[in-house]
């Protein structure tokens, strides 16, 4: 696995009342969220980056108002809905 080093002022941890690990987890989740939102990589890869199961990552997306469903048009949505 690739490790990424990030220089963050120590004061930010004091201001946020978070440990370095808590902040690192937050950053991983935000990177995964952005990657998924911008359709850079799959849901599975994003879940892995976030350190979450796919199910938990899907819930995390929902909490952040990001749908796992993507339709090009209303008619495509309606077709999928009728096939369900």
N, C-alpha and C. Protein backbone atom coordinates (compact mmCIF):
# COMPACT_ATOMS: atom_id res chain seq x y z
N UNK A 1 0.85 -1.18 0.00
CA UNK A 1 0.00 0.00 0.00
C UNK A 1 0.89 1.24 0.00
N UNK A 2 0.47 2.25 -0.70
CA UNK A 2 1.18 3.52 -0.80
C UNK A 2 0.87 4.38 0.41
N UNK A 3 1.90 4.97 0.99
CA UNK A 3 1.70 5.87 2.12
C UNK A 3 1.93 7.30 1.64
N UNK A 4 1.08 8.18 2.11
CA UNK A 4 1.14 9.59 1.74
C UNK A 4 1.50 10.40 2.98
N UNK A 5 2.48 11.24 2.85
CA UNK A 5 2.88 12.11 3.96
C UNK A 5 2.28 13.49 3.72
N UNK A 6 1.76 14.07 4.79
CA UNK A 6 1.12 15.37 4.70
C UNK A 6 1.57 16.22 5.88
N UNK A 7 2.09 17.39 5.58
CA UNK A 7 2.49 18.31 6.64
C UNK A 7 1.29 19.13 7.08
N UNK A 8 0.93 18.98 8.34
CA UNK A 8 -0.22 19.70 8.90
C UNK A 8 0.26 20.42 10.16
N UNK A 9 -0.05 21.71 10.28
CA UNK A 9 0.37 22.42 11.50
C UNK A 9 -0.22 21.75 12.74
N UNK A 10 0.60 21.60 13.76
CA UNK A 10 0.17 20.94 15.00
C UNK A 10 -1.04 21.63 15.63
N UNK A 11 -1.13 22.94 15.44
CA UNK A 11 -2.22 23.71 16.04
C UNK A 11 -3.60 23.23 15.55
N UNK A 12 -3.65 22.69 14.35
CA UNK A 12 -4.95 22.26 13.83
C UNK A 12 -5.55 21.15 14.69
N UNK A 13 -4.69 20.26 15.21
CA UNK A 13 -5.18 19.18 16.06
C UNK A 13 -5.74 19.73 17.37
N UNK A 14 -5.11 20.77 17.87
CA UNK A 14 -5.59 21.42 19.10
C UNK A 14 -6.93 22.10 18.83
N UNK A 15 -6.99 22.84 17.71
CA UNK A 15 -8.23 23.54 17.37
C UNK A 15 -9.39 22.58 17.12
N UNK A 16 -9.11 21.46 16.49
CA UNK A 16 -10.15 20.49 16.17
C UNK A 16 -10.46 19.52 17.32
N UNK A 17 -9.61 19.52 18.32
CA UNK A 17 -9.75 18.57 19.43
C UNK A 17 -9.73 17.14 18.91
N UNK A 18 -8.79 16.88 17.99
CA UNK A 18 -8.65 15.56 17.40
C UNK A 18 -7.20 15.11 17.49
N UNK A 19 -7.04 13.80 17.48
CA UNK A 19 -5.70 13.24 17.42
C UNK A 19 -5.26 13.18 15.96
N UNK A 20 -3.98 12.89 15.75
CA UNK A 20 -3.47 12.75 14.39
C UNK A 20 -4.20 11.62 13.67
N UNK A 21 -4.47 10.53 14.36
CA UNK A 21 -5.17 9.40 13.75
C UNK A 21 -6.60 9.77 13.34
N UNK A 22 -7.30 10.50 14.21
CA UNK A 22 -8.67 10.94 13.88
C UNK A 22 -8.66 11.84 12.65
N UNK A 23 -7.69 12.74 12.59
CA UNK A 23 -7.58 13.64 11.46
C UNK A 23 -7.23 12.87 10.19
N UNK A 24 -6.32 11.90 10.29
CA UNK A 24 -5.94 11.07 9.15
C UNK A 24 -7.15 10.30 8.62
N UNK A 25 -7.98 9.78 9.52
CA UNK A 25 -9.19 9.07 9.10
C UNK A 25 -10.15 10.00 8.38
N UNK A 26 -10.29 11.22 8.90
CA UNK A 26 -11.13 12.22 8.26
C UNK A 26 -10.64 12.52 6.84
N UNK A 27 -9.34 12.72 6.70
CA UNK A 27 -8.75 13.05 5.40
C UNK A 27 -8.96 11.90 4.42
N UNK A 28 -8.75 10.66 4.86
CA UNK A 28 -8.97 9.50 3.99
C UNK A 28 -10.41 9.44 3.51
N UNK A 29 -11.35 9.69 4.40
CA UNK A 29 -12.77 9.65 4.02
C UNK A 29 -13.11 10.77 3.03
N UNK A 30 -12.55 11.95 3.23
CA UNK A 30 -12.83 13.06 2.33
C UNK A 30 -12.22 12.82 0.94
N UNK A 31 -11.03 12.23 0.90
CA UNK A 31 -10.41 11.91 -0.38
C UNK A 31 -11.27 10.87 -1.11
N UNK A 32 -11.68 9.84 -0.38
CA UNK A 32 -12.53 8.80 -0.98
C UNK A 32 -13.84 9.38 -1.48
N UNK A 33 -14.44 10.25 -0.70
CA UNK A 33 -15.69 10.91 -1.08
C UNK A 33 -15.51 11.69 -2.37
N UNK A 34 -14.45 12.46 -2.46
CA UNK A 34 -14.18 13.26 -3.65
C UNK A 34 -13.90 12.37 -4.86
N UNK A 35 -13.12 11.32 -4.67
CA UNK A 35 -12.83 10.41 -5.78
C UNK A 35 -14.11 9.79 -6.32
N UNK A 36 -15.01 9.39 -5.43
CA UNK A 36 -16.26 8.77 -5.87
C UNK A 36 -17.18 9.80 -6.54
N UNK A 37 -17.31 10.95 -5.91
CA UNK A 37 -18.19 12.00 -6.42
C UNK A 37 -17.78 12.42 -7.84
N UNK A 38 -16.49 12.45 -8.09
CA UNK A 38 -15.98 12.86 -9.39
C UNK A 38 -15.73 11.68 -10.34
N UNK A 39 -16.27 10.51 -9.94
CA UNK A 39 -16.21 9.31 -10.77
C UNK A 39 -14.80 8.95 -11.22
N UNK A 40 -13.84 9.10 -10.30
CA UNK A 40 -12.44 8.78 -10.60
C UNK A 40 -12.17 7.29 -10.49
N UNK A 41 -12.72 6.65 -9.45
CA UNK A 41 -12.52 5.22 -9.24
C UNK A 41 -13.80 4.60 -8.70
N UNK A 42 -13.81 3.29 -8.60
CA UNK A 42 -15.01 2.56 -8.21
C UNK A 42 -15.36 2.74 -6.74
N UNK A 43 -16.58 2.36 -6.44
CA UNK A 43 -17.07 2.40 -5.06
C UNK A 43 -16.19 1.53 -4.16
N UNK A 44 -15.81 0.36 -4.64
CA UNK A 44 -14.97 -0.55 -3.86
C UNK A 44 -13.62 0.05 -3.53
N UNK A 45 -12.97 0.68 -4.51
CA UNK A 45 -11.69 1.33 -4.26
C UNK A 45 -11.84 2.47 -3.26
N UNK A 46 -12.90 3.25 -3.43
CA UNK A 46 -13.14 4.38 -2.52
C UNK A 46 -13.38 3.89 -1.10
N UNK A 47 -14.14 2.81 -0.96
CA UNK A 47 -14.37 2.24 0.37
C UNK A 47 -13.04 1.83 0.99
N UNK A 48 -12.17 1.24 0.18
CA UNK A 48 -10.85 0.82 0.67
C UNK A 48 -10.01 2.02 1.11
N UNK A 49 -10.02 3.08 0.31
CA UNK A 49 -9.27 4.30 0.66
C UNK A 49 -9.79 4.86 1.97
N UNK A 50 -11.10 4.84 2.15
CA UNK A 50 -11.72 5.38 3.37
C UNK A 50 -11.54 4.46 4.57
N UNK A 51 -11.07 3.23 4.33
CA UNK A 51 -10.92 2.28 5.43
C UNK A 51 -12.26 1.75 5.93
N UNK A 52 -13.22 1.63 5.00
CA UNK A 52 -14.58 1.22 5.37
C UNK A 52 -15.01 0.03 4.51
N UNK A 53 -16.03 -0.67 4.98
CA UNK A 53 -16.66 -1.68 4.14
C UNK A 53 -17.46 -0.96 3.06
N UNK A 54 -17.82 -1.68 1.98
CA UNK A 54 -18.64 -1.06 0.93
C UNK A 54 -19.96 -0.57 1.51
N UNK A 55 -20.57 -1.39 2.36
CA UNK A 55 -21.86 -1.02 2.97
C UNK A 55 -21.73 0.27 3.78
N UNK A 56 -20.69 0.35 4.61
CA UNK A 56 -20.50 1.56 5.42
C UNK A 56 -20.19 2.77 4.54
N UNK A 57 -19.44 2.55 3.46
CA UNK A 57 -19.11 3.67 2.57
C UNK A 57 -20.37 4.16 1.86
N UNK A 58 -21.26 3.25 1.46
CA UNK A 58 -22.52 3.65 0.84
C UNK A 58 -23.34 4.50 1.81
N UNK A 59 -23.37 4.09 3.08
CA UNK A 59 -24.08 4.88 4.09
C UNK A 59 -23.42 6.25 4.25
N UNK A 60 -22.09 6.27 4.26
CA UNK A 60 -21.33 7.52 4.37
C UNK A 60 -21.66 8.45 3.19
N UNK A 61 -21.76 7.89 1.99
CA UNK A 61 -22.14 8.69 0.83
C UNK A 61 -23.53 9.29 1.04
N UNK A 62 -24.46 8.49 1.54
CA UNK A 62 -25.82 8.97 1.78
C UNK A 62 -25.86 10.11 2.78
N UNK A 63 -25.10 9.99 3.84
CA UNK A 63 -25.04 11.05 4.85
C UNK A 63 -24.51 12.35 4.23
N UNK A 64 -23.67 12.19 3.20
CA UNK A 64 -23.09 13.35 2.52
C UNK A 64 -23.84 13.71 1.23
N UNK A 65 -25.08 13.20 1.12
CA UNK A 65 -25.97 13.52 -0.01
C UNK A 65 -25.38 13.17 -1.38
N UNK A 66 -24.68 12.04 -1.45
CA UNK A 66 -24.15 11.56 -2.72
C UNK A 66 -24.79 10.21 -3.00
N UNK A 67 -25.47 10.12 -4.13
CA UNK A 67 -26.17 8.91 -4.51
C UNK A 67 -25.23 7.94 -5.22
N UNK A 68 -25.48 6.65 -5.03
CA UNK A 68 -24.71 5.65 -5.76
C UNK A 68 -25.35 5.39 -7.13
N UNK A 69 -26.51 5.98 -7.36
CA UNK A 69 -27.21 5.79 -8.63
C UNK A 69 -26.94 6.98 -9.54
N UNK A 70 -26.69 6.68 -10.81
CA UNK A 70 -26.41 7.74 -11.77
C UNK A 70 -27.14 7.42 -13.07
N UNK A 71 -28.00 8.31 -13.48
CA UNK A 71 -28.78 8.12 -14.70
C UNK A 71 -28.56 9.31 -15.62
N UNK A 72 -28.42 9.01 -16.91
CA UNK A 72 -28.18 10.06 -17.90
C UNK A 72 -29.42 10.91 -18.14
N UNK A 73 -30.60 10.31 -17.92
CA UNK A 73 -31.82 11.05 -18.18
C UNK A 73 -32.95 10.49 -17.32
N UNK A 74 -34.05 11.22 -17.30
CA UNK A 74 -35.22 10.77 -16.55
C UNK A 74 -35.77 9.48 -17.16
N UNK A 75 -35.74 9.37 -18.49
CA UNK A 75 -36.25 8.17 -19.14
C UNK A 75 -35.42 6.94 -18.78
N UNK A 76 -34.11 7.11 -18.65
CA UNK A 76 -33.25 6.00 -18.22
C UNK A 76 -33.60 5.58 -16.81
N UNK A 77 -33.86 6.55 -15.94
CA UNK A 77 -34.28 6.26 -14.57
C UNK A 77 -35.60 5.50 -14.56
N UNK A 78 -36.56 5.97 -15.34
CA UNK A 78 -37.87 5.33 -15.39
C UNK A 78 -37.78 3.90 -15.92
N UNK A 79 -36.92 3.69 -16.89
CA UNK A 79 -36.72 2.34 -17.44
C UNK A 79 -36.14 1.42 -16.37
N UNK A 80 -35.13 1.89 -15.67
CA UNK A 80 -34.55 1.09 -14.59
C UNK A 80 -35.56 0.81 -13.49
N UNK A 81 -36.38 1.80 -13.17
CA UNK A 81 -37.38 1.65 -12.14
C UNK A 81 -38.42 0.59 -12.54
N UNK A 82 -38.80 0.59 -13.80
CA UNK A 82 -39.79 -0.41 -14.26
C UNK A 82 -39.19 -1.81 -14.32
N UNK A 83 -37.88 -1.90 -14.45
CA UNK A 83 -37.22 -3.22 -14.46
C UNK A 83 -36.95 -3.76 -13.06
N UNK A 84 -37.13 -2.93 -12.06
CA UNK A 84 -36.81 -3.35 -10.69
C UNK A 84 -37.85 -4.31 -10.13
